[in-house]
Amino acid sequence: MSYFLKEPPESSEHKSEFELLREMLVNMEGQLNQLLALQETTIHPPMRLEYLDIIDVSKLLKVEQKTIYNWVSLGKIPFIKANGRLLFLRHEIDEMLRRREEW
């Protein structure tokens, strides 16, 4: 069974119904294409927070660990201190990478 009718039925009443259905299908196809395009470009936040240590951050930012410590003391990089360890939220580091020219 084909979902797309190639030729409309004979009577004029059926022809207008056929044209209406065809227009509705074309409209729905356009809306589906728009939704698919939106879905592909939508950024979903992570389900839970991801923490990085200083080693991970230095690798991501391609700087020495000493530089990270300096940035922490100068307040240039957001951090959390837990049990004496410096931790960094992944999404904040990703944001720094996007704004790299500022540091």
PDB file of N, CA and C in Angstrom:
ATOM      1  N   MET A   1       0.844  -1.185   0.000  1.00  0.00           N
ATOM      2  CA  MET A   1       0.000   0.000   0.000  1.00  0.00           C
ATOM      3  C   MET A   1       0.887   1.245   0.000  1.00  0.00           C
ATOM      4  N   SER A   2       0.596   2.165  -0.883  1.00  0.00           N
ATOM      5  CA  SER A   2       1.382   3.389  -0.994  1.00  0.00           C
ATOM      6  C   SER A   2       0.745   4.503  -0.183  1.00  0.00           C
ATOM      7  N   TYR A   3       1.572   5.257   0.525  1.00  0.00           N
ATOM      8  CA  TYR A   3       1.067   6.375   1.319  1.00  0.00           C
ATOM      9  C   TYR A   3       0.873   7.633   0.475  1.00  0.00           C
ATOM     10  N   PHE A   4       1.476   7.667  -0.672  1.00  0.00           N
ATOM     11  CA  PHE A   4       1.359   8.837  -1.538  1.00  0.00           C
ATOM     12  C   PHE A   4       0.548   8.463  -2.767  1.00  0.00           C
ATOM     13  N   LEU A   5      -0.549   9.139  -2.967  1.00  0.00           N
ATOM     14  CA  LEU A   5      -1.387   8.901  -4.132  1.00  0.00           C
ATOM     15  C   LEU A   5      -0.785   9.627  -5.323  1.00  0.00           C
ATOM     16  N   LYS A   6      -0.586   8.888  -6.405  1.00  0.00           N
ATOM     17  CA  LYS A   6       0.023   9.486  -7.586  1.00  0.00           C
ATOM     18  C   LYS A   6      -1.000  10.263  -8.408  1.00  0.00           C
ATOM     19  N   GLU A   7      -2.189   9.718  -8.537  1.00  0.00           N
ATOM     20  CA  GLU A   7      -3.216  10.388  -9.328  1.00  0.00           C
ATOM     21  C   GLU A   7      -4.466  10.559  -8.491  1.00  0.00           C
ATOM     22  N   PRO A   8      -5.109  11.718  -8.580  1.00  0.00           N
ATOM     23  CA  PRO A   8      -6.326  11.940  -7.806  1.00  0.00           C
ATOM     24  C   PRO A   8      -7.487  11.136  -8.368  1.00  0.00           C
ATOM     25  N   PRO A   9      -8.504  10.862  -7.546  1.00  0.00           N
ATOM     26  CA  PRO A   9      -9.707  10.185  -8.040  1.00  0.00           C
ATOM     27  C   PRO A   9     -10.389  11.035  -9.106  1.00  0.00           C
ATOM     28  N   GLU A  10     -11.343  10.432  -9.820  1.00  0.00           N
ATOM     29  CA  GLU A  10     -11.972  11.055 -10.976  1.00  0.00           C
ATOM     30  C   GLU A  10     -12.875  12.241 -10.659  1.00  0.00           C
ATOM     31  N   SER A  11     -13.764  12.138  -9.678  1.00  0.00           N
ATOM     32  CA  SER A  11     -14.762  13.196  -9.480  1.00  0.00           C
ATOM     33  C   SER A  11     -14.116  14.467  -8.938  1.00  0.00           C
ATOM     34  N   SER A  12     -14.748  15.636  -9.200  1.00  0.00           N
ATOM     35  CA  SER A  12     -14.195  16.915  -8.764  1.00  0.00           C
ATOM     36  C   SER A  12     -14.233  17.050  -7.247  1.00  0.00           C
ATOM     37  N   GLU A  13     -15.253  16.449  -6.598  1.00  0.00           N
ATOM     38  CA  GLU A  13     -15.330  16.498  -5.129  1.00  0.00           C
ATOM     39  C   GLU A  13     -14.144  15.764  -4.516  1.00  0.00           C
ATOM     40  N   HIS A  14     -13.873  14.594  -5.064  1.00  0.00           N
ATOM     41  CA  HIS A  14     -12.732  13.813  -4.569  1.00  0.00           C
ATOM     42  C   HIS A  14     -11.414  14.499  -4.905  1.00  0.00           C
ATOM     43  N   LYS A  15     -11.397  15.186  -6.042  1.00  0.00           N
ATOM     44  CA  LYS A  15     -10.172  15.874  -6.445  1.00  0.00           C
ATOM     45  C   LYS A  15      -9.821  16.977  -5.444  1.00  0.00           C
ATOM     46  N   SER A  16     -10.793  17.743  -4.998  1.00  0.00           N
ATOM     47  CA  SER A  16     -10.498  18.796  -4.036  1.00  0.00           C
ATOM     48  C   SER A  16     -10.082  18.199  -2.691  1.00  0.00           C
ATOM     49  N   GLU A  17     -10.703  17.093  -2.305  1.00  0.00           N
ATOM     50  CA  GLU A  17     -10.293  16.410  -1.067  1.00  0.00           C
ATOM     51  C   GLU A  17      -8.860  15.900  -1.198  1.00  0.00           C
ATOM     52  N   PHE A  18      -8.577  15.355  -2.377  1.00  0.00           N
ATOM     53  CA  PHE A  18      -7.232  14.853  -2.623  1.00  0.00           C
ATOM     54  C   PHE A  18      -6.212  15.990  -2.532  1.00  0.00           C
ATOM     55  N   GLU A  19      -6.495  17.111  -3.165  1.00  0.00           N
ATOM     56  CA  GLU A  19      -5.590  18.260  -3.128  1.00  0.00           C
ATOM     57  C   GLU A  19      -5.405  18.774  -1.705  1.00  0.00           C
ATOM     58  N   LEU A  20      -6.497  18.806  -0.940  1.00  0.00           N
ATOM     59  CA  LEU A  20      -6.420  19.246   0.450  1.00  0.00           C
ATOM     60  C   LEU A  20      -5.516  18.318   1.259  1.00  0.00           C
ATOM     61  N   LEU A  21      -5.712  17.010   1.091  1.00  0.00           N
ATOM     62  CA  LEU A  21      -4.868  16.038   1.797  1.00  0.00           C
ATOM     63  C   LEU A  21      -3.404  16.172   1.373  1.00  0.00           C
ATOM     64  N   ARG A  22      -3.200  16.382   0.087  1.00  0.00           N
ATOM     65  CA  ARG A  22      -1.840  16.520  -0.421  1.00  0.00           C
ATOM     66  C   ARG A  22      -1.164  17.761   0.187  1.00  0.00           C
ATOM     67  N   GLU A  23      -1.886  18.872   0.255  1.00  0.00           N
ATOM     68  CA  GLU A  23      -1.346  20.087   0.859  1.00  0.00           C
ATOM     69  C   GLU A  23      -1.033  19.880   2.339  1.00  0.00           C
ATOM     70  N   MET A  24      -1.915  19.149   3.019  1.00  0.00           N
ATOM     71  CA  MET A  24      -1.686  18.871   4.440  1.00  0.00           C
ATOM     72  C   MET A  24      -0.426  18.036   4.624  1.00  0.00           C
ATOM     73  N   LEU A  25      -0.233  17.045   3.748  1.00  0.00           N
ATOM     74  CA  LEU A  25       0.968  16.205   3.837  1.00  0.00           C
ATOM     75  C   LEU A  25       2.235  17.024   3.579  1.00  0.00           C
ATOM     76  N   VAL A  26       2.185  17.894   2.599  1.00  0.00           N
ATOM     77  CA  VAL A  26       3.347  18.733   2.294  1.00  0.00           C
ATOM     78  C   VAL A  26       3.650  19.646   3.480  1.00  0.00           C
ATOM     79  N   ASN A  27       2.606  20.208   4.085  1.00  0.00           N
ATOM     80  CA  ASN A  27       2.767  21.071   5.255  1.00  0.00           C
ATOM     81  C   ASN A  27       3.377  20.295   6.427  1.00  0.00           C
ATOM     82  N   MET A  28       2.869  19.094   6.673  1.00  0.00           N
ATOM     83  CA  MET A  28       3.395  18.266   7.770  1.00  0.00           C
ATOM     84  C   MET A  28       4.850  17.891   7.516  1.00  0.00           C
ATOM     85  N   GLU A  29       5.184  17.598   6.265  1.00  0.00           N
ATOM     86  CA  GLU A  29       6.566  17.262   5.934  1.00  0.00           C
ATOM     87  C   GLU A  29       7.490  18.447   6.229  1.00  0.00           C
ATOM     88  N   GLY A  30       7.052  19.648   5.887  1.00  0.00           N
ATOM     89  CA  GLY A  30       7.843  20.840   6.174  1.00  0.00           C
ATOM     90  C   GLY A  30       8.035  21.044   7.664  1.00  0.00           C
ATOM     91  N   GLN A  31       6.967  20.829   8.428  1.00  0.00           N
ATOM     92  CA  GLN A  31       7.062  20.980   9.880  1.00  0.00           C
ATOM     93  C   GLN A  31       7.999  19.937  10.481  1.00  0.00           C
ATOM     94  N   LEU A  32       7.927  18.705   9.984  1.00  0.00           N
ATOM     95  CA  LEU A  32       8.830  17.654  10.473  1.00  0.00           C
ATOM     96  C   LEU A  32      10.285  17.998  10.164  1.00  0.00           C
ATOM     97  N   ASN A  33      10.536  18.520   8.979  1.00  0.00           N
ATOM     98  CA  ASN A  33      11.906  18.909   8.630  1.00  0.00           C
ATOM     99  C   ASN A  33      12.416  20.009   9.549  1.00  0.00           C
ATOM    100  N   GLN A  34      11.550  20.970   9.889  1.00  0.00           N
ATOM    101  CA  GLN A  34      11.945  22.033  10.814  1.00  0.00           C
ATOM    102  C   GLN A  34      12.255  21.465  12.195  1.00  0.00           C
ATOM    103  N   LEU A  35      11.423  20.536  12.663  1.00  0.00           N
ATOM    104  CA  LEU A  35      11.660  19.923  13.974  1.00  0.00           C
ATOM    105  C   LEU A  35      12.964  19.131  13.990  1.00  0.00           C
ATOM    106  N   LEU A  36      13.234  18.404  12.910  1.00  0.00           N
ATOM    107  CA  LEU A  36      14.484  17.647  12.837  1.00  0.00           C
ATOM    108  C   LEU A  36      15.689  18.583  12.858  1.00  0.00           C
ATOM    109  N   ALA A  37      15.596  19.699  12.164  1.00  0.00           N
ATOM    110  CA  ALA A  37      16.697  20.668  12.168  1.00  0.00           C
ATOM    111  C   ALA A  37      16.899  21.245  13.564  1.00  0.00           C
ATOM    112  N   LEU A  38      15.815  21.540  14.265  1.00  0.00           N
ATOM    113  CA  LEU A  38      15.924  22.045  15.638  1.00  0.00           C
ATOM    114  C   LEU A  38      16.536  21.010  16.567  1.00  0.00           C
ATOM    115  N   GLN A  39      16.118  19.757  16.404  1.00  0.00           N
ATOM    116  CA  GLN A  39      16.628  18.687  17.262  1.00  0.00           C
ATOM    117  C   GLN A  39      18.137  18.531  17.085  1.00  0.00           C
ATOM    118  N   GLU A  40      18.616  18.664  15.852  1.00  0.00           N
ATOM    119  CA  GLU A  40      20.045  18.499  15.588  1.00  0.00           C
ATOM    120  C   GLU A  40      20.875  19.630  16.187  1.00  0.00           C
ATOM    121  N   THR A  41      20.291  20.810  16.346  1.00  0.00           N
ATOM    122  CA  THR A  41      21.055  21.953  16.839  1.00  0.00           C
ATOM    123  C   THR A  41      20.810  22.259  18.312  1.00  0.00           C
ATOM    124  N   THR A  42      19.940  21.499  18.951  1.00  0.00           N
ATOM    125  CA  THR A  42      19.638  21.738  20.359  1.00  0.00           C
ATOM    126  C   THR A  42      20.743  21.157  21.228  1.00  0.00           C
ATOM    127  N   ILE A  43      21.214  21.949  22.170  1.00  0.00           N
ATOM    128  CA  ILE A  43      22.239  21.501  23.111  1.00  0.00           C
ATOM    129  C   ILE A  43      21.556  21.157  24.421  1.00  0.00           C
ATOM    130  N   HIS A  44      21.733  19.931  24.835  1.00  0.00           N
ATOM    131  CA  HIS A  44      21.121  19.488  26.081  1.00  0.00           C
ATOM    132  C   HIS A  44      22.145  19.568  27.210  1.00  0.00           C
ATOM    133  N   PRO A  45      21.760  20.144  28.331  1.00  0.00           N
ATOM    134  CA  PRO A  45      22.690  20.202  29.462  1.00  0.00           C
ATOM    135  C   PRO A  45      22.952  18.800  30.012  1.00  0.00           C
ATOM    136  N   PRO A  46      24.112  18.594  30.598  1.00  0.00           N
ATOM    137  CA  PRO A  46      24.397  17.270  31.159  1.00  0.00           C
ATOM    138  C   PRO A  46      23.417  16.934  32.276  1.00  0.00           C
ATOM    139  N   MET A  47      23.158  15.655  32.435  1.00  0.00           N
ATOM    140  CA  MET A  47      22.211  15.194  33.444  1.00  0.00           C
ATOM    141  C   MET A  47      22.729  15.475  34.853  1.00  0.00           C
ATOM    142  N   ARG A  48      24.044  15.384  35.043  1.00  0.00           N
ATOM    143  CA  ARG A  48      24.610  15.675  36.364  1.00  0.00           C
ATOM    144  C   ARG A  48      25.902  16.464  36.160  1.00  0.00           C
ATOM    145  N   LEU A  49      26.296  17.134  37.190  1.00  0.00           N
ATOM    146  CA  LEU A  49      27.494  17.958  37.094  1.00  0.00           C
ATOM    147  C   LEU A  49      28.738  17.088  36.979  1.00  0.00           C
ATOM    148  N   GLU A  50      29.656  17.509  36.140  1.00  0.00           N
ATOM    149  CA  GLU A  50      30.914  16.786  35.973  1.00  0.00           C
ATOM    150  C   GLU A  50      32.038  17.648  36.538  1.00  0.00           C
ATOM    151  N   TYR A  51      32.803  17.062  37.439  1.00  0.00           N
ATOM    152  CA  TYR A  51      33.905  17.776  38.079  1.00  0.00           C
ATOM    153  C   TYR A  51      35.228  17.322  37.481  1.00  0.00           C
ATOM    154  N   LEU A  52      36.136  18.274  37.327  1.00  0.00           N
ATOM    155  CA  LEU A  52      37.471  17.989  36.816  1.00  0.00           C
ATOM    156  C   LEU A  52      38.496  18.378  37.866  1.00  0.00           C
ATOM    157  N   ASP A  53      39.613  17.640  37.892  1.00  0.00           N
ATOM    158  CA  ASP A  53      40.693  18.041  38.795  1.00  0.00           C
ATOM    159  C   ASP A  53      41.674  18.921  38.021  1.00  0.00           C
ATOM    160  N   ILE A  54      42.701  19.363  38.699  1.00  0.00           N
ATOM    161  CA  ILE A  54      43.629  20.322  38.089  1.00  0.00           C
ATOM    162  C   ILE A  54      44.389  19.711  36.913  1.00  0.00           C
ATOM    163  N   ILE A  55      44.640  18.427  36.967  1.00  0.00           N
ATOM    164  CA  ILE A  55      45.332  17.752  35.856  1.00  0.00           C
ATOM    165  C   ILE A  55      44.467  17.785  34.602  1.00  0.00           C
ATOM    166  N   ASP A  56      43.182  17.438  34.767  1.00  0.00           N
ATOM    167  CA  ASP A  56      42.259  17.454  33.626  1.00  0.00           C
ATOM    168  C   ASP A  56      42.131  18.852  33.029  1.00  0.00           C
ATOM    169  N   VAL A  57      42.012  19.849  33.898  1.00  0.00           N
ATOM    170  CA  VAL A  57      41.838  21.228  33.435  1.00  0.00           C
ATOM    171  C   VAL A  57      43.079  21.705  32.691  1.00  0.00           C
ATOM    172  N   SER A  58      44.257  21.382  33.215  1.00  0.00           N
ATOM    173  CA  SER A  58      45.482  21.829  32.541  1.00  0.00           C
ATOM    174  C   SER A  58      45.608  21.182  31.160  1.00  0.00           C
ATOM    175  N   LYS A  59      45.166  19.934  31.033  1.00  0.00           N
ATOM    176  CA  LYS A  59      45.196  19.277  29.721  1.00  0.00           C
ATOM    177  C   LYS A  59      44.189  19.916  28.764  1.00  0.00           C
ATOM    178  N   LEU A  60      42.986  20.182  29.265  1.00  0.00           N
ATOM    179  CA  LEU A  60      41.954  20.780  28.414  1.00  0.00           C
ATOM    180  C   LEU A  60      42.342  22.177  27.939  1.00  0.00           C
ATOM    181  N   LEU A  61      42.875  22.976  28.853  1.00  0.00           N
ATOM    182  CA  LEU A  61      43.229  24.354  28.514  1.00  0.00           C
ATOM    183  C   LEU A  61      44.623  24.475  27.904  1.00  0.00           C
ATOM    184  N   LYS A  62      45.358  23.355  27.933  1.00  0.00           N
ATOM    185  CA  LYS A  62      46.714  23.307  27.369  1.00  0.00           C
ATOM    186  C   LYS A  62      47.635  24.349  28.004  1.00  0.00           C
ATOM    187  N   VAL A  63      47.587  24.359  29.334  1.00  0.00           N
ATOM    188  CA  VAL A  63      48.484  25.220  30.111  1.00  0.00           C
ATOM    189  C   VAL A  63      49.070  24.375  31.244  1.00  0.00           C
ATOM    190  N   GLU A  64      50.132  24.873  31.852  1.00  0.00           N
ATOM    191  CA  GLU A  64      50.758  24.177  32.975  1.00  0.00           C
ATOM    192  C   GLU A  64      49.855  24.235  34.210  1.00  0.00           C
ATOM    193  N   GLN A  65      50.017  23.249  35.094  1.00  0.00           N
ATOM    194  CA  GLN A  65      49.249  23.235  36.343  1.00  0.00           C
ATOM    195  C   GLN A  65      49.542  24.488  37.168  1.00  0.00           C
ATOM    196  N   LYS A  66      50.775  24.950  37.121  1.00  0.00           N
ATOM    197  CA  LYS A  66      51.146  26.159  37.863  1.00  0.00           C
ATOM    198  C   LYS A  66      50.307  27.356  37.400  1.00  0.00           C
ATOM    199  N   THR A  67      50.029  27.423  36.112  1.00  0.00           N
ATOM    200  CA  THR A  67      49.187  28.497  35.570  1.00  0.00           C
ATOM    201  C   THR A  67      47.783  28.421  36.154  1.00  0.00           C
ATOM    202  N   ILE A  68      47.259  27.213  36.276  1.00  0.00           N
ATOM    203  CA  ILE A  68      45.918  27.034  36.857  1.00  0.00           C
ATOM    204  C   ILE A  68      45.920  27.523  38.301  1.00  0.00           C
ATOM    205  N   TYR A  69      46.952  27.151  39.063  1.00  0.00           N
ATOM    206  CA  TYR A  69      47.046  27.618  40.454  1.00  0.00           C
ATOM    207  C   TYR A  69      47.097  29.149  40.511  1.00  0.00           C
ATOM    208  N   ASN A  70      47.849  29.756  39.604  1.00  0.00           N
ATOM    209  CA  ASN A  70      47.907  31.224  39.555  1.00  0.00           C
ATOM    210  C   ASN A  70      46.532  31.820  39.250  1.00  0.00           C
ATOM    211  N   TRP A  71      45.823  31.239  38.289  1.00  0.00           N
ATOM    212  CA  TRP A  71      44.491  31.733  37.938  1.00  0.00           C
ATOM    213  C   TRP A  71      43.525  31.605  39.110  1.00  0.00           C
ATOM    214  N   VAL A  72      43.667  30.507  39.858  1.00  0.00           N
ATOM    215  CA  VAL A  72      42.807  30.320  41.041  1.00  0.00           C
ATOM    216  C   VAL A  72      43.069  31.437  42.040  1.00  0.00           C
ATOM    217  N   SER A  73      44.350  31.704  42.318  1.00  0.00           N
ATOM    218  CA  SER A  73      44.674  32.736  43.315  1.00  0.00           C
ATOM    219  C   SER A  73      44.274  34.137  42.845  1.00  0.00           C
ATOM    220  N   LEU A  74      44.257  34.362  41.533  1.00  0.00           N
ATOM    221  CA  LEU A  74      43.856  35.659  40.986  1.00  0.00           C
ATOM    222  C   LEU A  74      42.347  35.756  40.742  1.00  0.00           C
ATOM    223  N   GLY A  75      41.640  34.638  40.949  1.00  0.00           N
ATOM    224  CA  GLY A  75      40.194  34.633  40.723  1.00  0.00           C
ATOM    225  C   GLY A  75      39.810  34.619  39.250  1.00  0.00           C
ATOM    226  N   LYS A  76      40.713  34.170  38.392  1.00  0.00           N
ATOM    227  CA  LYS A  76      40.446  34.150  36.952  1.00  0.00           C
ATOM    228  C   LYS A  76      39.700  32.903  36.496  1.00  0.00           C
ATOM    229  N   ILE A  77      39.635  31.908  37.358  1.00  0.00           N
ATOM    230  CA  ILE A  77      38.994  30.654  36.990  1.00  0.00           C
ATOM    231  C   ILE A  77      38.094  30.209  38.142  1.00  0.00           C
ATOM    232  N   PRO A  78      36.855  29.840  37.857  1.00  0.00           N
ATOM    233  CA  PRO A  78      35.965  29.396  38.934  1.00  0.00           C
ATOM    234  C   PRO A  78      36.369  28.004  39.424  1.00  0.00           C
ATOM    235  N   PHE A  79      36.307  27.805  40.723  1.00  0.00           N
ATOM    236  CA  PHE A  79      36.717  26.518  41.293  1.00  0.00           C
ATOM    237  C   PHE A  79      35.903  26.224  42.542  1.00  0.00           C
ATOM    238  N   ILE A  80      36.023  24.980  42.973  1.00  0.00           N
ATOM    239  CA  ILE A  80      35.417  24.517  44.221  1.00  0.00           C
ATOM    240  C   ILE A  80      36.524  23.810  44.980  1.00  0.00           C
ATOM    241  N   LYS A  81      36.571  24.018  46.267  1.00  0.00           N
ATOM    242  CA  LYS A  81      37.565  23.319  47.073  1.00  0.00           C
ATOM    243  C   LYS A  81      36.825  22.284  47.912  1.00  0.00           C
ATOM    244  N   ALA A  82      37.199  21.020  47.734  1.00  0.00           N
ATOM    245  CA  ALA A  82      36.562  19.930  48.470  1.00  0.00           C
ATOM    246  C   ALA A  82      37.648  19.047  49.069  1.00  0.00           C
ATOM    247  N   ASN A  83      37.625  18.923  50.385  1.00  0.00           N
ATOM    248  CA  ASN A  83      38.629  18.115  51.093  1.00  0.00           C
ATOM    249  C   ASN A  83      40.056  18.506  50.700  1.00  0.00           C
ATOM    250  N   GLY A  84      40.291  19.793  50.549  1.00  0.00           N
ATOM    251  CA  GLY A  84      41.624  20.275  50.225  1.00  0.00           C
ATOM    252  C   GLY A  84      41.999  20.167  48.757  1.00  0.00           C
ATOM    253  N   ARG A  85      41.096  19.646  47.935  1.00  0.00           N
ATOM    254  CA  ARG A  85      41.380  19.501  46.498  1.00  0.00           C
ATOM    255  C   ARG A  85      40.655  20.572  45.709  1.00  0.00           C
ATOM    256  N   LEU A  86      41.314  21.062  44.686  1.00  0.00           N
ATOM    257  CA  LEU A  86      40.666  22.001  43.774  1.00  0.00           C
ATOM    258  C   LEU A  86      39.887  21.210  42.730  1.00  0.00           C
ATOM    259  N   LEU A  87      38.622  21.558  42.583  1.00  0.00           N
ATOM    260  CA  LEU A  87      37.780  20.935  41.566  1.00  0.00           C
ATOM    261  C   LEU A  87      37.166  22.031  40.706  1.00  0.00           C
ATOM    262  N   PHE A  88      36.890  21.670  39.466  1.00  0.00           N
ATOM    263  CA  PHE A  88      36.358  22.624  38.504  1.00  0.00           C
ATOM    264  C   PHE A  88      35.165  21.983  37.805  1.00  0.00           C
ATOM    265  N   LEU A  89      34.124  22.772  37.585  1.00  0.00           N
ATOM    266  CA  LEU A  89      32.958  22.259  36.870  1.00  0.00           C
ATOM    267  C   LEU A  89      33.251  22.236  35.372  1.00  0.00           C
ATOM    268  N   ARG A  90      32.953  21.109  34.750  1.00  0.00           N
ATOM    269  CA  ARG A  90      33.258  20.918  33.329  1.00  0.00           C
ATOM    270  C   ARG A  90      32.615  22.007  32.459  1.00  0.00           C
ATOM    271  N   HIS A  91      31.350  22.330  32.724  1.00  0.00           N
ATOM    272  CA  HIS A  91      30.680  23.312  31.860  1.00  0.00           C
ATOM    273  C   HIS A  91      31.313  24.704  31.986  1.00  0.00           C
ATOM    274  N   GLU A  92      31.886  25.022  33.146  1.00  0.00           N
ATOM    275  CA  GLU A  92      32.562  26.314  33.297  1.00  0.00           C
ATOM    276  C   GLU A  92      33.890  26.337  32.529  1.00  0.00           C
ATOM    277  N   ILE A  93      34.577  25.212  32.520  1.00  0.00           N
ATOM    278  CA  ILE A  93      35.832  25.114  31.763  1.00  0.00           C
ATOM    279  C   ILE A  93      35.539  25.155  30.265  1.00  0.00           C
ATOM    280  N   ASP A  94      34.476  24.480  29.848  1.00  0.00           N
ATOM    281  CA  ASP A  94      34.078  24.536  28.438  1.00  0.00           C
ATOM    282  C   ASP A  94      33.769  25.967  28.019  1.00  0.00           C
ATOM    283  N   GLU A  95      33.119  26.711  28.906  1.00  0.00           N
ATOM    284  CA  GLU A  95      32.809  28.116  28.623  1.00  0.00           C
ATOM    285  C   GLU A  95      34.103  28.929  28.498  1.00  0.00           C
ATOM    286  N   MET A  96      35.090  28.630  29.330  1.00  0.00           N
ATOM    287  CA  MET A  96      36.391  29.313  29.222  1.00  0.00           C
ATOM    288  C   MET A  96      37.039  29.029  27.870  1.00  0.00           C
ATOM    289  N   LEU A  97      36.917  27.792  27.413  1.00  0.00           N
ATOM    290  CA  LEU A  97      37.486  27.440  26.112  1.00  0.00           C
ATOM    291  C   LEU A  97      36.825  28.238  24.992  1.00  0.00           C
ATOM    292  N   ARG A  98      35.521  28.460  25.107  1.00  0.00           N
ATOM    293  CA  ARG A  98      34.813  29.249  24.097  1.00  0.00           C
ATOM    294  C   ARG A  98      35.274  30.711  24.110  1.00  0.00           C
ATOM    295  N   ARG A  99      35.681  31.208  25.289  1.00  0.00           N
ATOM    296  CA  ARG A  99      36.104  32.603  25.437  1.00  0.00           C
ATOM    297  C   ARG A  99      37.622  32.683  25.592  1.00  0.00           C
ATOM    298  N   ARG A 100      38.332  31.858  24.930  1.00  0.00           N
ATOM    299  CA  ARG A 100      39.776  31.711  25.128  1.00  0.00           C
ATOM    300  C   ARG A 100      40.548  33.021  24.985  1.00  0.00           C
ATOM    301  N   GLU A 101      40.106  33.896  24.089  1.00  0.00           N
ATOM    302  CA  GLU A 101      40.860  35.138  23.862  1.00  0.00           C
ATOM    303  C   GLU A 101      40.856  36.049  25.080  1.00  0.00           C
ATOM    304  N   GLU A 102      39.956  35.825  26.035  1.00  0.00           N
ATOM    305  CA  GLU A 102      39.885  36.677  27.225  1.00  0.00           C
ATOM    306  C   GLU A 102      40.977  36.361  28.250  1.00  0.00           C
ATOM    307  N   TRP A 103      41.631  35.220  28.186  1.00  0.00           N
ATOM    308  CA  TRP A 103      42.656  34.907  29.164  1.00  0.00           C
ATOM    309  C   TRP A 103      43.983  34.907  28.491  1.00  0.00           C
TER     310      TRP A 103
END
